[in-house]
Amino acid sequence: MPPVAGVTLNEARIKGLITIYRRAIGRIENGILGASSFEKARRAALLKNIQRVLVGLKRDVDHWADTELKAYYLKGIKEAERGLELTGAPTKDLPPFTLIDQAAVSAITDEVKLGFAESIRGLSRSTQRILVEAQKLEVNAILAEGLITGATSKKIAGEVKQLLMDQGLTGLVDKSGRKWSFESYTNMLVRTKAVEARNAGLGNRMAQYGFDLVQVSDHNSSHPACAEWEGEILSYTGQTPGYRTYDDALSSGLFHPNCKHAINPIDPKLAEETDAYDNPYNYIDEPGGKFEGGETSTEELPNISISKAERDFLNRKGVKFQSEALLPDSQGKDIYGLWNPLTRTIYLDSGASKHAVNHEVAHAIDRLFTGGNSMSESLAKNALQRETDAIVFRRVMNMGFNADEATALLEGAAAASGADVISITKADRYYFEQLDEVFADGYSQFKRNPLEFKKYAPELYKIYKGLF
């Protein structure tokens, strides 16, 4: 199961910030309502007092931002460390608060302070607007009655009070023209940025440890933009192929204002099943391993990011890995990996990616797992026949095409990709018709993102998940 909890906010501290605003606004309103006159000199004196209130407000809210947002960021760091510890992932010694962390907190804090400053400027403008309106009321009364009497002053005070009730001291008008009260704007801003600070602390600490994959919390959100992403594994930096990214989630509406969704280390059970954290720099599409001495066993190739269960299986079956400068195929396409069933050897070119490693390992599993016929011709055959289209479609998507292009390509039509027009060759189509190749490509897709794979290939998901 994916991590359930979202980001927990310190409601008492947020309430304390709202109280700071309320007190400042109360002092300004009391100053306006208590004014005996709104003529120029007295209005200037009142504005001077109000400015002192605003300066004090800015000092207090900036202090809140400096203190609280760093605390949320540090909370993210601690939760990253605790989550990785639960998965058994290897980590390295890091300072409690690195230069990267300092820069990240500073950026978030500065953004919040700019929001506070804009809201305070809005308060200043609103105050001046109310005072101008109050002066107009006073001038109109003098023109109508010739002087200000006690009854006139009382009437003006009532009208100024009504102005404050009707128009209020609006803190901010956004780009869409929406007027925000100080309480609603402050609530939105600090809640949104507190969640951002916590998630940044977790994501940045994960990246500093060399881990890129994080999982979105799942609390049955009714918000459509959030529900789509709940439980999904994301690439925080965008450097792990096969996963949608943190930025993708942001741009689609996850982590919207007032959103409480968290990113977390992958659920320990899922991390164990998928070996997501076996390789401490999992965001780098690394070569298959350090090959310097020709033929060797998997025990001597720790940089190959396969699980211990896979490694043990291959060793039991006598499978070897060997570095090889592989030549392009007959179509001129580069080959980075090759499985030779006769010699039980997986050949990997120096440019072999994780996908290439997983693909060739899958060929070995397919051929050797049952001890008889290959899995693609026996245990997995029916599932492959039913889910080949889904596997092939995702393979084409992983080549860099969008869904429409992939559909067109698989239908044998030409599809545009930028300025180029490309098509699937006969050799490609023949490749897709081989169940062993589909088995291997499906296994690599499963390893990349098992939760996403389960959605479009549920039968194969059960088979792959049950292998080890």
Protein backbone atom coordinates (compact mmCIF):
# COMPACT_ATOMS: atom_id res chain seq x y z
CA MET A 1 0.00 0.00 0.00
CA PRO A 2 1.23 3.54 -0.71
CA PRO A 3 1.99 5.87 2.19
CA VAL A 4 -1.35 7.12 3.51
CA ALA A 5 -0.44 10.22 5.47
CA GLY A 6 -0.30 13.63 3.89
CA VAL A 7 1.62 16.54 5.34
CA THR A 8 0.60 17.28 8.92
CA LEU A 9 0.44 21.00 9.63
CA ASN A 10 0.93 22.71 12.96
CA GLU A 11 -2.53 24.24 13.28
CA ALA A 12 -1.68 26.11 16.47
CA ARG A 13 1.26 27.90 14.82
CA ILE A 14 -0.84 28.79 11.76
CA LYS A 15 -3.56 30.09 14.07
CA GLY A 16 -0.90 32.18 15.81
CA LEU A 17 0.04 33.80 12.49
CA ILE A 18 -3.62 34.57 11.74
CA THR A 19 -3.87 36.17 15.17
CA ILE A 20 -0.92 38.43 14.35
CA TYR A 21 -2.78 39.66 11.27
CA ARG A 22 -6.08 40.06 13.13
CA ARG A 23 -4.47 42.18 15.84
CA ALA A 24 -2.81 44.45 13.28
CA ILE A 25 -6.04 44.88 11.32
CA GLY A 26 -7.94 45.52 14.55
CA ARG A 27 -5.51 48.27 15.53
CA ILE A 28 -5.86 49.90 12.09
CA GLU A 29 -9.67 49.72 12.15
CA ASN A 30 -9.80 51.10 15.69
CA GLY A 31 -7.54 53.97 14.63
CA ILE A 32 -9.84 54.81 11.72
CA LEU A 33 -13.05 54.51 13.76
CA GLY A 34 -11.55 56.53 16.62
CA ALA A 35 -10.46 59.44 14.42
CA SER A 36 -12.18 62.72 15.31
CA SER A 37 -11.56 64.19 11.87
CA PHE A 38 -10.25 63.15 8.45
CA GLU A 39 -8.91 66.49 7.33
CA LYS A 40 -5.45 66.46 5.74
CA ALA A 41 -3.22 66.96 8.79
CA ARG A 42 -5.06 64.48 10.97
CA ARG A 43 -5.25 61.99 8.14
CA ALA A 44 -1.46 62.23 7.71
CA ALA A 45 -0.94 61.59 11.43
CA LEU A 46 -3.31 58.61 11.31
CA LEU A 47 -1.49 57.20 8.28
CA LYS A 48 1.82 57.54 10.13
CA ASN A 49 0.48 55.48 13.03
CA ILE A 50 -0.93 52.91 10.63
CA GLN A 51 2.44 52.67 8.89
CA ARG A 52 4.06 51.80 12.23
CA VAL A 53 1.50 49.03 12.66
CA LEU A 54 2.28 47.69 9.18
CA VAL A 55 6.04 47.75 9.77
CA GLY A 56 5.54 45.76 12.96
CA LEU A 57 3.25 43.34 11.13
CA LYS A 58 5.88 42.78 8.41
CA ARG A 59 8.55 42.10 11.05
CA ASP A 60 6.36 39.59 12.88
CA VAL A 61 5.18 37.64 9.81
CA ASP A 62 8.71 37.48 8.34
CA HIS A 63 9.97 36.03 11.63
CA TRP A 64 7.17 33.46 11.44
CA ALA A 65 8.21 32.50 7.90
CA ASP A 66 11.90 32.20 8.83
CA THR A 67 11.12 29.93 11.78
CA GLU A 68 8.22 27.80 10.60
CA LEU A 69 9.17 27.05 7.00
CA LYS A 70 12.61 25.86 8.02
CA ALA A 71 10.94 23.62 10.60
CA TYR A 72 8.74 22.05 7.90
CA TYR A 73 11.76 21.54 5.64
CA LEU A 74 13.68 19.85 8.47
CA LYS A 75 10.65 17.67 9.08
CA GLY A 76 10.88 16.53 5.46
CA ILE A 77 14.57 15.69 5.92
CA LYS A 78 13.82 13.58 9.01
CA GLU A 79 11.00 11.75 7.26
CA ALA A 80 13.24 11.00 4.28
CA GLU A 81 15.88 9.52 6.57
CA ARG A 82 13.36 7.51 8.55
CA GLY A 83 11.64 6.23 5.39
CA LEU A 84 14.90 5.14 3.77
CA GLU A 85 15.94 3.42 7.00
CA LEU A 86 12.70 1.40 6.94
CA THR A 87 13.41 0.25 3.37
CA GLY A 88 16.97 -0.73 4.27
CA ALA A 89 18.36 1.60 1.62
CA PRO A 90 22.05 2.48 1.95
CA THR A 91 22.75 6.11 2.85
CA LYS A 92 25.84 8.20 3.42
CA ASP A 93 26.88 10.71 6.07
CA LEU A 94 25.50 14.19 5.39
CA PRO A 95 25.42 17.37 7.48
CA PRO A 96 22.02 17.94 9.15
CA PHE A 97 21.48 21.03 6.99
CA THR A 98 23.55 21.33 3.82
CA LEU A 99 24.18 24.33 1.57
CA ILE A 100 21.60 22.90 -0.83
CA ASP A 101 19.09 22.80 2.01
CA GLN A 102 19.89 26.38 3.00
CA ALA A 103 19.34 27.59 -0.56
CA ALA A 104 16.05 25.67 -0.89
CA VAL A 105 14.64 27.01 2.38
CA SER A 106 15.74 30.53 1.51
CA ALA A 107 13.95 30.36 -1.85
CA ILE A 108 10.67 29.16 -0.32
CA THR A 109 10.88 31.63 2.56
CA ASP A 110 11.61 34.56 0.27
CA GLU A 111 8.60 33.65 -1.85
CA VAL A 112 6.35 33.63 1.22
CA LYS A 113 7.77 36.94 2.40
CA LEU A 114 7.00 38.44 -1.00
CA GLY A 115 3.43 37.20 -0.61
CA PHE A 116 3.23 38.73 2.87
CA ALA A 117 4.69 42.00 1.58
CA GLU A 118 2.15 42.16 -1.25
CA SER A 119 -0.72 41.54 1.16
CA ILE A 120 0.56 44.26 3.49
CA ARG A 121 0.83 46.67 0.56
CA GLY A 122 -2.76 45.74 -0.24
CA LEU A 123 -3.71 46.55 3.34
CA SER A 124 -1.98 49.92 3.06
CA ARG A 125 -3.83 50.71 -0.17
CA SER A 126 -7.16 49.64 1.33
CA THR A 127 -6.54 51.81 4.37
CA GLN A 128 -5.76 54.85 2.27
CA ARG A 129 -8.85 54.21 0.15
CA ILE A 130 -11.06 54.10 3.26
CA LEU A 131 -9.49 57.33 4.59
CA VAL A 132 -10.08 59.12 1.29
CA GLU A 133 -13.70 57.98 1.32
CA ALA A 134 -14.02 59.15 4.94
CA GLN A 135 -12.64 62.57 4.02
CA LYS A 136 -15.18 62.82 1.16
CA LEU A 137 -17.97 62.05 3.62
CA GLU A 138 -16.67 64.75 5.93
CA VAL A 139 -16.40 67.32 3.12
CA ASN A 140 -19.92 66.52 1.87
CA ALA A 141 -21.29 66.99 5.39
CA ILE A 142 -19.62 70.38 5.69
CA LEU A 143 -21.00 71.44 2.30
CA ALA A 144 -24.48 70.30 3.31
CA GLU A 145 -24.61 71.69 6.84
CA GLY A 146 -21.89 74.35 6.89
CA LEU A 147 -20.08 72.90 9.92
CA ILE A 148 -19.40 69.70 11.79
CA THR A 149 -21.65 69.21 14.79
CA GLY A 150 -21.68 66.38 17.27
CA ALA A 151 -24.58 64.80 15.43
CA THR A 152 -22.73 65.16 12.12
CA SER A 153 -19.59 63.55 13.55
CA LYS A 154 -21.65 60.65 14.85
CA LYS A 155 -23.28 60.26 11.42
CA ILE A 156 -19.87 60.30 9.67
CA ALA A 157 -18.49 57.74 12.12
CA GLY A 158 -21.43 55.46 11.37
CA GLU A 159 -20.89 55.83 7.63
CA VAL A 160 -17.14 55.10 7.97
CA LYS A 161 -17.95 52.02 10.01
CA GLN A 162 -20.35 50.92 7.28
CA LEU A 163 -17.60 51.49 4.71
CA LEU A 164 -15.31 49.17 6.65
CA MET A 165 -18.07 46.58 6.88
CA ASP A 166 -18.96 46.81 3.20
CA GLN A 167 -15.53 47.14 1.62
CA GLY A 168 -13.23 45.82 4.32
CA LEU A 169 -9.46 46.09 4.40
CA THR A 170 -8.77 43.76 1.48
CA GLY A 171 -5.31 42.23 1.64
CA LEU A 172 -4.82 41.27 -1.98
CA VAL A 173 -6.47 41.28 -5.38
CA ASP A 174 -5.13 38.44 -7.53
CA LYS A 175 -4.67 38.36 -11.31
CA SER A 176 -8.21 37.12 -11.85
CA GLY A 177 -9.59 40.05 -9.87
CA ARG A 178 -10.50 37.98 -6.84
CA LYS A 179 -10.32 39.84 -3.54
CA TRP A 180 -8.75 37.95 -0.68
CA SER A 181 -9.33 38.67 2.97
CA PHE A 182 -6.18 38.61 5.05
CA GLU A 183 -7.28 35.50 6.87
CA SER A 184 -8.13 33.47 3.77
CA TYR A 185 -5.04 34.61 1.85
CA THR A 186 -2.67 33.99 4.75
CA ASN A 187 -4.23 30.59 5.41
CA MET A 188 -3.83 29.60 1.76
CA LEU A 189 -0.30 30.91 1.42
CA VAL A 190 1.23 29.41 4.55
CA ARG A 191 -0.52 26.05 4.22
CA THR A 192 0.56 25.69 0.60
CA LYS A 193 4.14 26.74 1.27
CA ALA A 194 4.45 24.66 4.45
CA VAL A 195 3.56 21.55 2.41
CA GLU A 196 5.99 22.66 -0.32
CA ALA A 197 8.78 23.14 2.25
CA ARG A 198 8.21 19.73 3.80
CA ASN A 199 8.11 17.99 0.41
CA ALA A 200 11.21 19.88 -0.75
CA GLY A 201 13.06 18.82 2.40
CA LEU A 202 12.19 15.18 1.77
CA GLY A 203 12.85 15.23 -1.98
CA ASN A 204 16.13 17.12 -1.73
CA ARG A 205 17.46 14.88 1.03
CA MET A 206 16.52 11.79 -1.01
CA ALA A 207 18.40 13.23 -3.99
CA GLN A 208 21.42 14.07 -1.84
CA TYR A 209 21.49 10.43 -0.74
CA GLY A 210 21.31 9.42 -4.39
CA PHE A 211 17.66 8.33 -4.52
CA ASP A 212 15.22 9.81 -6.97
CA LEU A 213 11.98 7.85 -6.66
CA VAL A 214 9.26 9.06 -4.30
CA GLN A 215 5.64 8.03 -3.78
CA VAL A 216 2.58 10.29 -3.50
CA SER A 217 0.48 9.85 -0.37
CA ASP A 218 -2.99 8.33 -0.74
CA HIS A 219 -5.93 9.53 1.34
CA ASN A 220 -8.84 9.00 -1.07
CA SER A 221 -8.94 12.56 -2.33
CA SER A 222 -12.12 13.73 -4.05
CA HIS A 223 -10.14 16.39 -5.91
CA PRO A 224 -9.80 15.12 -9.53
CA ALA A 225 -6.32 16.58 -10.08
CA CYS A 226 -5.11 14.85 -6.91
CA ALA A 227 -6.93 11.53 -7.23
CA GLU A 228 -5.10 10.71 -10.47
CA TRP A 229 -1.72 10.83 -8.72
CA GLU A 230 -2.44 9.16 -5.39
CA GLY A 231 -0.05 6.31 -4.69
CA GLU A 232 1.99 6.95 -7.84
CA ILE A 233 5.76 6.63 -7.88
CA LEU A 234 7.40 9.75 -9.28
CA SER A 235 10.87 10.72 -10.39
CA TYR A 236 11.66 13.71 -8.17
CA THR A 237 14.48 15.05 -10.35
CA GLY A 238 13.09 13.80 -13.67
CA GLN A 239 16.19 11.70 -14.32
CA THR A 240 14.74 8.20 -13.90
CA PRO A 241 13.33 6.95 -17.23
CA GLY A 242 9.90 5.37 -17.23
CA TYR A 243 8.35 7.45 -14.46
CA ARG A 244 6.27 10.57 -14.54
CA THR A 245 7.99 13.38 -12.71
CA TYR A 246 7.32 15.58 -9.71
CA ASP A 247 7.11 18.54 -12.10
CA ASP A 248 4.55 16.63 -14.20
CA ALA A 249 2.41 16.25 -11.10
CA LEU A 250 2.78 19.93 -10.23
CA SER A 251 1.81 21.10 -13.70
CA SER A 252 -1.27 18.84 -13.76
CA GLY A 253 -2.68 20.27 -10.52
CA LEU A 254 -1.31 18.10 -7.72
CA PHE A 255 0.03 20.17 -4.79
CA HIS A 256 -2.52 22.88 -5.59
CA PRO A 257 -3.16 25.69 -3.03
CA ASN A 258 -4.17 24.17 0.32
CA CYS A 259 -3.27 20.65 -0.92
CA LYS A 260 -1.93 18.36 1.82
CA HIS A 261 -0.53 15.57 -0.36
CA ALA A 262 2.94 14.45 0.57
CA ILE A 263 5.74 12.75 -1.27
CA ASN A 264 7.39 9.97 0.70
CA PRO A 265 9.98 7.26 0.28
CA ILE A 266 8.36 4.30 -1.43
CA ASP A 267 6.34 2.02 0.86
CA PRO A 268 8.87 -0.46 2.33
CA LYS A 269 7.09 -3.59 1.04
CA LEU A 270 6.84 -2.19 -2.47
CA ALA A 271 10.43 -0.98 -2.37
CA GLU A 272 11.52 -4.49 -1.41
CA GLU A 273 9.49 -6.09 -4.19
CA THR A 274 10.74 -3.71 -6.89
CA ASP A 275 14.26 -3.18 -5.53
CA ALA A 276 13.75 0.53 -6.15
CA TYR A 277 16.40 1.50 -3.62
CA ASP A 278 18.91 -1.28 -4.17
CA ASN A 279 21.03 1.01 -6.30
CA PRO A 280 22.01 4.14 -4.36
CA TYR A 281 22.01 6.56 -7.33
CA ASN A 282 18.88 5.25 -8.95
CA TYR A 283 18.23 8.45 -10.84
CA ILE A 284 21.27 7.92 -13.07
CA ASP A 285 20.74 5.81 -16.18
CA GLU A 286 23.98 4.02 -15.52
CA PRO A 287 25.92 1.59 -17.70
CA GLY A 288 25.23 -2.02 -16.92
CA GLY A 289 28.32 -2.37 -14.75
CA LYS A 290 32.06 -1.99 -14.60
CA PHE A 291 33.41 -4.47 -17.11
CA GLU A 292 37.15 -4.71 -17.15
CA GLY A 293 37.99 -8.38 -17.16
CA GLY A 294 35.72 -10.11 -19.62
CA GLU A 295 33.58 -12.93 -18.30
CA THR A 296 32.53 -12.74 -14.66
CA SER A 297 29.74 -13.74 -12.29
CA THR A 298 27.05 -11.38 -11.11
CA GLU A 299 28.64 -11.35 -7.65
CA GLU A 300 31.52 -9.35 -9.09
CA LEU A 301 29.27 -6.76 -10.72
CA PRO A 302 27.68 -4.78 -7.87
CA ASN A 303 26.86 -1.84 -10.14
CA ILE A 304 24.29 -3.85 -12.09
CA SER A 305 21.06 -2.66 -10.48
CA ILE A 306 19.24 -5.97 -10.17
CA SER A 307 17.72 -7.41 -7.04
CA LYS A 308 19.39 -9.92 -4.76
CA ALA A 309 16.71 -12.47 -5.73
CA GLU A 310 17.48 -12.00 -9.42
CA ARG A 311 21.19 -12.14 -8.74
CA ASP A 312 20.86 -15.37 -6.74
CA PHE A 313 18.67 -16.95 -9.44
CA LEU A 314 21.12 -16.09 -12.23
CA ASN A 315 24.04 -17.43 -10.23
CA ARG A 316 22.20 -20.69 -9.54
CA LYS A 317 21.55 -21.06 -13.25
CA GLY A 318 25.18 -20.33 -14.13
CA VAL A 319 24.41 -17.12 -15.99
CA LYS A 320 27.40 -14.86 -16.63
CA PHE A 321 27.70 -11.23 -17.59
CA GLN A 322 30.31 -10.09 -20.05
CA SER A 323 31.22 -6.69 -21.44
CA GLU A 324 31.11 -6.61 -25.20
CA ALA A 325 31.29 -3.90 -27.84
CA LEU A 326 28.07 -4.89 -29.59
CA LEU A 327 27.62 -4.00 -33.26
CA PRO A 328 24.42 -2.47 -34.64
CA ASP A 329 21.80 -4.88 -35.95
CA SER A 330 20.96 -5.45 -39.62
CA GLN A 331 18.75 -2.35 -39.57
CA GLY A 332 21.61 -0.20 -38.26
CA LYS A 333 20.11 0.16 -34.78
CA ASP A 334 22.44 0.18 -31.79
CA ILE A 335 22.36 -2.88 -29.54
CA TYR A 336 23.27 -2.47 -25.88
CA GLY A 337 22.47 -5.93 -24.58
CA LEU A 338 22.29 -9.50 -25.85
CA TRP A 339 21.28 -12.79 -24.20
CA ASN A 340 22.96 -15.95 -25.50
CA PRO A 341 21.01 -18.98 -24.23
CA LEU A 342 23.62 -21.46 -25.48
CA THR A 343 26.43 -20.07 -23.35
CA ARG A 344 24.07 -18.60 -20.71
CA THR A 345 25.80 -15.25 -21.06
CA ILE A 346 24.36 -11.75 -20.99
CA TYR A 347 26.51 -9.44 -23.11
CA LEU A 348 26.30 -5.76 -22.25
CA ASP A 349 27.73 -2.88 -24.22
CA SER A 350 29.42 -0.11 -22.22
CA GLY A 351 26.38 2.10 -22.92
CA ALA A 352 23.87 -0.38 -21.53
CA SER A 353 21.12 1.33 -19.51
CA LYS A 354 19.03 -0.13 -16.71
CA HIS A 355 16.36 -0.89 -19.29
CA ALA A 356 18.86 -2.90 -21.36
CA VAL A 357 20.02 -4.82 -18.28
CA ASN A 358 16.45 -5.59 -17.17
CA HIS A 359 15.49 -6.62 -20.71
CA GLU A 360 18.31 -9.14 -21.04
CA VAL A 361 17.86 -10.43 -17.49
CA ALA A 362 14.20 -11.01 -18.40
CA HIS A 363 15.27 -13.10 -21.39
CA ALA A 364 17.33 -15.30 -19.05
CA ILE A 365 14.41 -15.59 -16.61
CA ASP A 366 12.02 -16.42 -19.46
CA ARG A 367 14.26 -19.22 -20.70
CA LEU A 368 15.47 -20.69 -17.41
CA PHE A 369 12.80 -20.14 -14.76
CA THR A 370 10.60 -23.18 -15.39
CA GLY A 371 13.37 -25.62 -16.30
CA GLY A 372 11.36 -26.62 -19.40
CA ASN A 373 9.66 -24.48 -22.02
CA SER A 374 10.23 -20.76 -21.81
CA MET A 375 7.70 -18.83 -19.75
CA SER A 376 6.61 -16.85 -22.80
CA GLU A 377 5.55 -20.13 -24.41
CA SER A 378 4.00 -21.68 -21.32
CA LEU A 379 3.02 -20.02 -18.04
CA ALA A 380 2.91 -16.48 -19.41
CA LYS A 381 1.70 -17.20 -22.95
CA ASN A 382 -2.00 -16.46 -22.47
CA ALA A 383 -1.34 -13.27 -20.52
CA LEU A 384 1.14 -12.12 -23.16
CA GLN A 385 -1.34 -12.73 -25.95
CA ARG A 386 -3.97 -10.69 -24.15
CA GLU A 387 -1.68 -7.85 -23.06
CA THR A 388 0.84 -7.59 -25.90
CA ASP A 389 -0.88 -4.50 -27.34
CA ALA A 390 -0.61 -2.69 -24.02
CA ILE A 391 3.09 -3.59 -23.64
CA VAL A 392 3.95 -2.57 -27.18
CA PHE A 393 1.96 0.65 -26.91
CA ARG A 394 3.90 1.61 -23.77
CA ARG A 395 7.18 0.64 -25.44
CA VAL A 396 6.46 3.06 -28.28
CA MET A 397 5.46 5.74 -25.77
CA ASN A 398 8.80 5.19 -24.02
CA MET A 399 10.52 5.93 -27.32
CA GLY A 400 9.36 9.52 -26.91
CA PHE A 401 6.06 9.54 -28.78
CA ASN A 402 2.76 10.76 -27.43
CA ALA A 403 -0.36 8.59 -27.30
CA ASP A 404 -1.72 9.69 -30.68
CA GLU A 405 1.62 9.11 -32.38
CA ALA A 406 2.00 5.71 -30.75
CA THR A 407 -1.48 4.70 -31.89
CA ALA A 408 -0.75 5.82 -35.44
CA LEU A 409 2.57 3.99 -35.50
CA LEU A 410 1.07 0.75 -34.28
CA GLU A 411 -1.65 0.99 -36.89
CA GLY A 412 1.05 1.17 -39.53
CA ALA A 413 0.49 4.82 -40.38
CA ALA A 414 3.04 7.62 -40.39
CA ALA A 415 3.15 9.88 -37.36
CA ALA A 416 4.66 13.30 -36.86
CA SER A 417 7.15 13.92 -34.10
CA GLY A 418 8.24 17.53 -34.19
CA ALA A 419 9.57 18.25 -37.65
CA ASP A 420 10.19 14.57 -38.45
CA VAL A 421 7.84 11.95 -39.81
CA ILE A 422 8.68 8.45 -38.66
CA SER A 423 7.18 4.99 -39.00
CA ILE A 424 7.63 1.54 -37.56
CA THR A 425 9.69 -0.69 -39.86
CA LYS A 426 8.85 -4.25 -40.81
CA ALA A 427 11.67 -5.43 -38.58
CA ASP A 428 10.12 -3.56 -35.65
CA ARG A 429 6.74 -5.14 -36.28
CA TYR A 430 8.30 -8.57 -36.48
CA TYR A 431 10.04 -7.86 -33.17
CA PHE A 432 6.73 -6.98 -31.55
CA GLU A 433 5.24 -10.29 -32.69
CA GLN A 434 7.79 -12.32 -30.70
CA LEU A 435 6.30 -13.21 -27.32
CA ASP A 436 9.74 -13.59 -25.75
CA GLU A 437 10.56 -10.00 -26.69
CA VAL A 438 7.24 -8.76 -25.35
CA PHE A 439 7.90 -10.73 -22.14
CA ALA A 440 11.30 -9.05 -21.77
CA ASP A 441 10.02 -5.57 -22.55
CA GLY A 442 7.09 -6.04 -20.20
CA TYR A 443 9.41 -7.13 -17.41
CA SER A 444 11.54 -4.02 -17.89
CA GLN A 445 8.41 -1.85 -17.77
CA PHE A 446 7.32 -3.65 -14.60
CA LYS A 447 10.68 -2.95 -12.99
CA ARG A 448 10.51 0.72 -13.93
CA ASN A 449 7.09 1.45 -12.44
CA PRO A 450 5.13 -1.51 -11.06
CA LEU A 451 2.08 0.48 -9.99
CA GLU A 452 1.65 2.03 -13.40
CA PHE A 453 2.35 -1.34 -15.08
CA LYS A 454 -0.38 -2.99 -13.01
CA LYS A 455 -2.94 -0.59 -14.51
CA TYR A 456 -2.39 -1.63 -18.11
CA ALA A 457 -1.07 -5.21 -17.78
CA PRO A 458 -2.63 -6.73 -14.62
CA GLU A 459 -2.15 -10.38 -15.62
CA LEU A 460 1.54 -9.99 -16.40
CA TYR A 461 1.93 -7.91 -13.24
CA LYS A 462 0.83 -10.93 -11.18
CA ILE A 463 3.25 -13.20 -13.04
CA TYR A 464 6.24 -10.89 -12.70
CA LYS A 465 5.43 -10.10 -9.07
CA GLY A 466 5.30 -13.82 -8.26
CA LEU A 467 8.68 -14.66 -9.78
CA PHE A 468 10.83 -13.97 -6.71
